[in-house]
Amino acid sequence: MTQMKLLLVDDESDFLNTLLKRMKRRNVEVQGVGSGESALAWLKTHATDVVILDVRMPGMDGIETLREIKRHFPLTEVIMLTGHASMEVAIEGMEMGAFDYLMKPMDMDELLYKAEDAFKKKNIHEGKIQQMAQQLR
């Protein structure tokens, strides 16, 4: 099985850099960007399995970014993060196709566990698509 490719999206540079370091220490293939716009630009040129996306960011917020990710990269799984307790945003994100939702500060093991589950889900969907394509040949 291939290694999971993660993209972290958060406008708080200290949080983003700390999370990147912690992920890399655990041998996770991870990159980070500071905005929704940067995330979409990254996804256009880099294969990515799972996006860990902050909900509250200036400019393009997490919900708008999630909408665009799902429109252009429907198999990419997204885990939403927020430092603000907002069940409405959590429900909206899940309805729009987010894989899961975590509150900051989150447990690193829990975040990695959810990311691995999201990666497995993406692989299952890709496998089904490949099977269907082979059957149509």
Foldseek 3Di string as FASTA:
>chain_A
DDAAEEEEEAQPVVVQVVLVVVCVVVVHNYDYDHDLVVVVVCVVPDDHAEYEAEQDDPDQGRLNSLLVCCVVPVLRAYEYEYQDDDVVVQVSSVVSHHQYYDYPPDDSVVVVVSSVVSSVSSVVVVVVVVVVVVVVD
